[in-house]
Amino acid sequence: MPFLDAVIAATLANLCVAPLFFLLEKPLLRLLSRFAWFRRYRRHVVTRGRSTLARYGLFLGLAVFVAIPLPGTGAYTGCLLAEIARMNRPTALAAISLGVVGASTIVSLVCLGVIGGVLATWF
């Protein structure tokens, strides 16, 4: 698959996560809250996201949190964090979408070697 097609497909698929999560969130969270591992995960998300949200504000903090291309900081976790913060859904969707596009850009630049080349000269 051509690189640009792959980036567009991955970004669009990741953008579909937030609206689907917000449609299913109440029954899904009620079901998952029965499990101790999910309650621990939820506490971990709050702890991890609190510093980013406090530093950048609610909208920009959520976008930055989702844009960090590390495990556990993507659109799913951003939706959960927005729910915990009781963020307005349209605002949360905009912030999560901005973060997804940012993460896609960062990962694309790493795959192309642009960021890797810059980091390699520093270390």
N, C-alpha and C. Protein backbone atom coordinates (compact mmCIF):
# COMPACT_ATOMS: atom_id res chain seq x y z
N MET A 1 0.85 -1.17 0.00
CA MET A 1 0.00 0.00 0.00
C MET A 1 0.90 1.24 0.00
N PRO A 2 0.58 2.21 -0.81
CA PRO A 2 1.38 3.45 -0.80
C PRO A 2 1.32 4.13 0.57
N PHE A 3 2.43 4.79 0.91
CA PHE A 3 2.57 5.39 2.24
C PHE A 3 1.45 6.36 2.56
N LEU A 4 1.14 7.26 1.66
CA LEU A 4 0.11 8.27 1.90
C LEU A 4 -1.26 7.62 2.11
N ASP A 5 -1.56 6.60 1.34
CA ASP A 5 -2.83 5.88 1.51
C ASP A 5 -2.91 5.21 2.88
N ALA A 6 -1.80 4.66 3.32
CA ALA A 6 -1.77 4.00 4.64
C ALA A 6 -1.97 5.02 5.76
N VAL A 7 -1.32 6.18 5.63
CA VAL A 7 -1.47 7.22 6.66
C VAL A 7 -2.90 7.72 6.72
N ILE A 8 -3.51 7.96 5.57
CA ILE A 8 -4.88 8.44 5.52
C ILE A 8 -5.84 7.40 6.09
N ALA A 9 -5.67 6.14 5.71
CA ALA A 9 -6.55 5.08 6.22
C ALA A 9 -6.42 4.92 7.73
N ALA A 10 -5.19 4.94 8.22
CA ALA A 10 -4.98 4.78 9.67
C ALA A 10 -5.54 5.97 10.44
N THR A 11 -5.35 7.17 9.92
CA THR A 11 -5.87 8.36 10.59
C THR A 11 -7.39 8.35 10.62
N LEU A 12 -8.02 8.05 9.50
CA LEU A 12 -9.48 8.02 9.45
C LEU A 12 -10.06 6.93 10.36
N ALA A 13 -9.40 5.78 10.38
CA ALA A 13 -9.87 4.71 11.27
C ALA A 13 -9.76 5.13 12.73
N ASN A 14 -8.68 5.80 13.07
CA ASN A 14 -8.49 6.26 14.45
C ASN A 14 -9.46 7.38 14.79
N LEU A 15 -9.83 8.20 13.81
CA LEU A 15 -10.80 9.27 14.05
C LEU A 15 -12.20 8.72 14.32
N CYS A 16 -12.49 7.51 13.84
CA CYS A 16 -13.81 6.90 14.05
C CYS A 16 -13.98 6.36 15.46
N VAL A 17 -12.90 6.22 16.20
CA VAL A 17 -12.94 5.63 17.54
C VAL A 17 -13.76 6.49 18.50
N ALA A 18 -13.51 7.78 18.52
CA ALA A 18 -14.14 8.66 19.52
C ALA A 18 -15.66 8.69 19.40
N PRO A 19 -16.23 8.92 18.21
CA PRO A 19 -17.70 8.92 18.15
C PRO A 19 -18.32 7.58 18.54
N LEU A 20 -17.69 6.49 18.14
CA LEU A 20 -18.21 5.17 18.52
C LEU A 20 -18.12 4.95 20.03
N PHE A 21 -17.03 5.38 20.62
CA PHE A 21 -16.88 5.23 22.06
C PHE A 21 -17.94 6.04 22.79
N PHE A 22 -18.17 7.28 22.35
CA PHE A 22 -19.15 8.11 23.03
C PHE A 22 -20.58 7.56 22.88
N LEU A 23 -20.86 6.82 21.80
CA LEU A 23 -22.17 6.19 21.65
C LEU A 23 -22.37 5.04 22.64
N LEU A 24 -21.30 4.31 22.89
CA LEU A 24 -21.38 3.10 23.71
C LEU A 24 -20.85 3.27 25.13
N GLU A 25 -20.43 4.49 25.50
CA GLU A 25 -19.68 4.66 26.74
C GLU A 25 -20.43 4.30 28.00
N LYS A 26 -21.67 4.73 28.16
CA LYS A 26 -22.37 4.50 29.43
C LYS A 26 -22.53 3.02 29.74
N PRO A 27 -23.10 2.20 28.84
CA PRO A 27 -23.19 0.78 29.17
C PRO A 27 -21.83 0.10 29.25
N LEU A 28 -20.90 0.53 28.41
CA LEU A 28 -19.57 -0.07 28.42
C LEU A 28 -18.83 0.23 29.72
N LEU A 29 -18.87 1.48 30.16
CA LEU A 29 -18.20 1.84 31.41
C LEU A 29 -18.87 1.18 32.62
N ARG A 30 -20.18 1.07 32.58
CA ARG A 30 -20.89 0.40 33.67
C ARG A 30 -20.49 -1.07 33.75
N LEU A 31 -20.36 -1.71 32.60
CA LEU A 31 -19.96 -3.12 32.56
C LEU A 31 -18.50 -3.28 33.01
N LEU A 32 -17.61 -2.47 32.48
CA LEU A 32 -16.19 -2.61 32.80
C LEU A 32 -15.85 -2.20 34.23
N SER A 33 -16.64 -1.31 34.81
CA SER A 33 -16.37 -0.86 36.18
C SER A 33 -16.55 -1.98 37.20
N ARG A 34 -17.13 -3.08 36.81
CA ARG A 34 -17.27 -4.24 37.71
C ARG A 34 -15.94 -4.94 37.96
N PHE A 35 -14.99 -4.71 37.06
CA PHE A 35 -13.71 -5.41 37.13
C PHE A 35 -12.65 -4.54 37.80
N ALA A 36 -11.88 -5.14 38.69
CA ALA A 36 -10.85 -4.41 39.43
C ALA A 36 -9.76 -3.89 38.51
N TRP A 37 -9.39 -4.67 37.49
CA TRP A 37 -8.34 -4.24 36.58
C TRP A 37 -8.74 -2.97 35.85
N PHE A 38 -10.03 -2.81 35.51
CA PHE A 38 -10.47 -1.60 34.83
C PHE A 38 -10.49 -0.41 35.77
N ARG A 39 -10.89 -0.63 37.01
CA ARG A 39 -10.86 0.47 37.99
C ARG A 39 -9.44 0.95 38.21
N ARG A 40 -8.48 0.00 38.25
CA ARG A 40 -7.07 0.40 38.37
C ARG A 40 -6.63 1.17 37.14
N TYR A 41 -7.01 0.71 35.95
CA TYR A 41 -6.66 1.38 34.70
C TYR A 41 -7.24 2.80 34.68
N ARG A 42 -8.46 2.93 35.11
CA ARG A 42 -9.12 4.24 35.13
C ARG A 42 -8.39 5.21 36.08
N ARG A 43 -7.98 4.70 37.25
CA ARG A 43 -7.20 5.54 38.17
C ARG A 43 -5.86 5.95 37.56
N HIS A 44 -5.25 5.00 36.85
CA HIS A 44 -3.98 5.28 36.18
C HIS A 44 -4.15 6.36 35.11
N VAL A 45 -5.22 6.29 34.35
CA VAL A 45 -5.49 7.30 33.32
C VAL A 45 -5.67 8.67 33.95
N VAL A 46 -6.40 8.72 35.04
CA VAL A 46 -6.62 10.00 35.73
C VAL A 46 -5.29 10.56 36.22
N THR A 47 -4.48 9.74 36.83
CA THR A 47 -3.19 10.18 37.35
C THR A 47 -2.29 10.67 36.22
N ARG A 48 -2.24 9.91 35.16
CA ARG A 48 -1.36 10.23 34.04
C ARG A 48 -1.83 11.46 33.27
N GLY A 49 -3.13 11.59 33.11
CA GLY A 49 -3.68 12.69 32.33
C GLY A 49 -3.79 14.00 33.09
N ARG A 50 -3.86 13.91 34.39
CA ARG A 50 -4.05 15.12 35.21
C ARG A 50 -2.95 16.15 34.99
N SER A 51 -1.71 15.72 34.93
CA SER A 51 -0.60 16.68 34.76
C SER A 51 -0.66 17.36 33.40
N THR A 52 -0.98 16.60 32.35
CA THR A 52 -1.07 17.20 31.01
C THR A 52 -2.23 18.18 30.94
N LEU A 53 -3.38 17.79 31.50
CA LEU A 53 -4.54 18.68 31.48
C LEU A 53 -4.29 19.94 32.30
N ALA A 54 -3.61 19.79 33.43
CA ALA A 54 -3.32 20.95 34.27
C ALA A 54 -2.33 21.89 33.59
N ARG A 55 -1.37 21.34 32.88
CA ARG A 55 -0.34 22.16 32.25
C ARG A 55 -0.88 22.94 31.06
N TYR A 56 -1.71 22.32 30.23
CA TYR A 56 -2.14 22.94 28.98
C TYR A 56 -3.60 23.39 28.97
N GLY A 57 -4.36 23.09 29.99
CA GLY A 57 -5.78 23.39 29.96
C GLY A 57 -6.54 22.18 29.45
N LEU A 58 -7.84 22.21 29.55
CA LEU A 58 -8.63 21.01 29.25
C LEU A 58 -8.58 20.65 27.76
N PHE A 59 -8.87 21.58 26.87
CA PHE A 59 -8.91 21.27 25.44
C PHE A 59 -7.54 20.91 24.90
N LEU A 60 -6.60 21.82 25.05
CA LEU A 60 -5.26 21.59 24.51
C LEU A 60 -4.56 20.44 25.23
N GLY A 61 -4.81 20.30 26.53
CA GLY A 61 -4.22 19.19 27.29
C GLY A 61 -4.69 17.84 26.78
N LEU A 62 -5.99 17.73 26.47
CA LEU A 62 -6.51 16.47 25.92
C LEU A 62 -5.91 16.21 24.54
N ALA A 63 -5.81 17.25 23.72
CA ALA A 63 -5.22 17.08 22.39
C ALA A 63 -3.76 16.64 22.48
N VAL A 64 -3.00 17.25 23.38
CA VAL A 64 -1.59 16.87 23.55
C VAL A 64 -1.48 15.45 24.09
N PHE A 65 -2.33 15.10 25.05
CA PHE A 65 -2.32 13.76 25.62
C PHE A 65 -2.55 12.70 24.53
N VAL A 66 -3.53 12.94 23.66
CA VAL A 66 -3.84 11.98 22.60
C VAL A 66 -2.74 11.98 21.54
N ALA A 67 -2.11 13.12 21.31
CA ALA A 67 -1.09 13.23 20.25
C ALA A 67 0.22 12.54 20.61
N ILE A 68 0.46 12.25 21.87
CA ILE A 68 1.69 11.58 22.27
C ILE A 68 1.62 10.13 21.78
N PRO A 69 2.48 9.74 20.85
CA PRO A 69 2.37 8.39 20.28
C PRO A 69 3.02 7.32 21.16
N LEU A 70 2.44 7.12 22.30
CA LEU A 70 2.88 6.06 23.21
C LEU A 70 1.69 5.17 23.55
N PRO A 71 1.93 3.94 23.95
CA PRO A 71 0.82 3.08 24.34
C PRO A 71 0.04 3.69 25.51
N GLY A 72 -1.26 3.68 25.41
CA GLY A 72 -2.10 4.18 26.48
C GLY A 72 -2.39 5.67 26.42
N THR A 73 -2.08 6.32 25.30
CA THR A 73 -2.36 7.75 25.19
C THR A 73 -3.14 8.08 23.93
N GLY A 74 -3.84 7.14 23.37
CA GLY A 74 -4.53 7.37 22.10
C GLY A 74 -5.97 7.83 22.27
N ALA A 75 -6.74 7.60 21.22
CA ALA A 75 -8.12 8.08 21.17
C ALA A 75 -9.01 7.41 22.23
N TYR A 76 -8.83 6.11 22.45
CA TYR A 76 -9.63 5.42 23.46
C TYR A 76 -9.41 6.04 24.84
N THR A 77 -8.17 6.20 25.20
CA THR A 77 -7.85 6.75 26.50
C THR A 77 -8.27 8.22 26.58
N GLY A 78 -8.14 8.94 25.49
CA GLY A 78 -8.61 10.32 25.46
C GLY A 78 -10.10 10.42 25.69
N CYS A 79 -10.87 9.50 25.13
CA CYS A 79 -12.31 9.47 25.37
C CYS A 79 -12.61 9.19 26.84
N LEU A 80 -11.90 8.27 27.40
CA LEU A 80 -12.09 7.95 28.82
C LEU A 80 -11.73 9.14 29.69
N LEU A 81 -10.64 9.81 29.37
CA LEU A 81 -10.22 10.99 30.12
C LEU A 81 -11.22 12.13 29.98
N ALA A 82 -11.76 12.31 28.79
CA ALA A 82 -12.79 13.34 28.57
C ALA A 82 -14.05 13.03 29.38
N GLU A 83 -14.39 11.77 29.46
CA GLU A 83 -15.57 11.36 30.25
C GLU A 83 -15.32 11.62 31.73
N ILE A 84 -14.15 11.28 32.20
CA ILE A 84 -13.83 11.47 33.61
C ILE A 84 -13.82 12.96 33.95
N ALA A 85 -13.29 13.79 33.02
CA ALA A 85 -13.24 15.24 33.24
C ALA A 85 -14.58 15.92 32.98
N ARG A 86 -15.59 15.13 32.57
CA ARG A 86 -16.92 15.64 32.25
C ARG A 86 -16.86 16.76 31.22
N MET A 87 -16.08 16.51 30.19
CA MET A 87 -15.88 17.48 29.13
C MET A 87 -17.06 17.44 28.16
N ASN A 88 -17.42 18.57 27.61
CA ASN A 88 -18.47 18.67 26.61
C ASN A 88 -18.10 17.78 25.42
N ARG A 89 -19.02 16.96 24.93
CA ARG A 89 -18.68 15.98 23.88
C ARG A 89 -18.18 16.60 22.59
N PRO A 90 -18.84 17.63 22.04
CA PRO A 90 -18.28 18.20 20.80
C PRO A 90 -16.87 18.77 21.00
N THR A 91 -16.63 19.38 22.14
CA THR A 91 -15.30 19.91 22.43
C THR A 91 -14.30 18.77 22.58
N ALA A 92 -14.71 17.71 23.27
CA ALA A 92 -13.84 16.55 23.44
C ALA A 92 -13.53 15.89 22.10
N LEU A 93 -14.53 15.77 21.23
CA LEU A 93 -14.30 15.19 19.91
C LEU A 93 -13.32 16.03 19.10
N ALA A 94 -13.43 17.34 19.19
CA ALA A 94 -12.50 18.21 18.47
C ALA A 94 -11.08 18.05 19.01
N ALA A 95 -10.93 18.00 20.33
CA ALA A 95 -9.60 17.86 20.93
C ALA A 95 -9.00 16.50 20.59
N ILE A 96 -9.81 15.45 20.67
CA ILE A 96 -9.31 14.10 20.36
C ILE A 96 -8.93 14.01 18.89
N SER A 97 -9.74 14.60 18.01
CA SER A 97 -9.42 14.59 16.58
C SER A 97 -8.12 15.32 16.30
N LEU A 98 -7.94 16.45 16.94
CA LEU A 98 -6.69 17.20 16.79
C LEU A 98 -5.50 16.36 17.26
N GLY A 99 -5.67 15.66 18.38
CA GLY A 99 -4.62 14.79 18.90
C GLY A 99 -4.32 13.62 17.98
N VAL A 100 -5.35 13.03 17.39
CA VAL A 100 -5.16 11.91 16.46
C VAL A 100 -4.37 12.36 15.24
N VAL A 101 -4.72 13.52 14.71
CA VAL A 101 -3.99 14.03 13.55
C VAL A 101 -2.54 14.34 13.93
N GLY A 102 -2.34 14.88 15.13
CA GLY A 102 -0.98 15.14 15.60
C GLY A 102 -0.17 13.87 15.75
N ALA A 103 -0.78 12.84 16.34
CA ALA A 103 -0.09 11.56 16.51
C ALA A 103 0.22 10.93 15.15
N SER A 104 -0.71 11.02 14.22
CA SER A 104 -0.47 10.48 12.88
C SER A 104 0.69 11.19 12.20
N THR A 105 0.75 12.50 12.39
CA THR A 105 1.84 13.27 11.80
C THR A 105 3.18 12.86 12.41
N ILE A 106 3.21 12.74 13.72
CA ILE A 106 4.47 12.36 14.39
C ILE A 106 4.93 10.98 13.95
N VAL A 107 4.00 10.01 13.93
CA VAL A 107 4.36 8.65 13.54
C VAL A 107 4.78 8.60 12.07
N SER A 108 4.12 9.38 11.24
CA SER A 108 4.49 9.42 9.81
C SER A 108 5.89 9.97 9.63
N LEU A 109 6.21 11.03 10.37
CA LEU A 109 7.55 11.62 10.27
C LEU A 109 8.62 10.65 10.77
N VAL A 110 8.30 9.88 11.80
CA VAL A 110 9.25 8.87 12.28
C VAL A 110 9.44 7.79 11.23
N CYS A 111 8.33 7.34 10.62
CA CYS A 111 8.42 6.30 9.59
C CYS A 111 9.22 6.75 8.37
N LEU A 112 9.09 8.03 8.04
CA LEU A 112 9.84 8.56 6.91
C LEU A 112 11.30 8.83 7.25
N GLY A 113 11.63 8.78 8.54
CA GLY A 113 13.00 9.00 8.96
C GLY A 113 13.33 10.46 9.23
N VAL A 114 12.33 11.34 9.14
CA VAL A 114 12.59 12.76 9.36
C VAL A 114 12.93 13.01 10.82
N ILE A 115 12.08 12.50 11.72
CA ILE A 115 12.34 12.69 13.15
C ILE A 115 13.50 11.82 13.62
N GLY A 116 13.60 10.63 13.13
CA GLY A 116 14.71 9.75 13.50
C GLY A 116 16.05 10.35 13.13
N GLY A 117 16.11 10.99 11.95
CA GLY A 117 17.34 11.62 11.52
C GLY A 117 17.73 12.80 12.39
N VAL A 118 16.73 13.56 12.82
CA VAL A 118 16.99 14.70 13.70
C VAL A 118 17.46 14.20 15.05
N LEU A 119 16.79 13.20 15.59
CA LEU A 119 17.17 12.68 16.90
C LEU A 119 18.53 11.98 16.86
N ALA A 120 18.83 11.34 15.74
CA ALA A 120 20.11 10.65 15.61
C ALA A 120 21.29 11.62 15.65
N THR A 121 21.10 12.83 15.16
CA THR A 121 22.20 13.80 15.18
C THR A 121 22.42 14.34 16.58
N TRP A 122 21.39 14.28 17.43
CA TRP A 122 21.53 14.78 18.81
C TRP A 122 22.19 13.78 19.73
N PHE A 123 22.05 12.50 19.41
CA PHE A 123 22.56 11.48 20.34
C PHE A 123 23.72 10.79 19.73
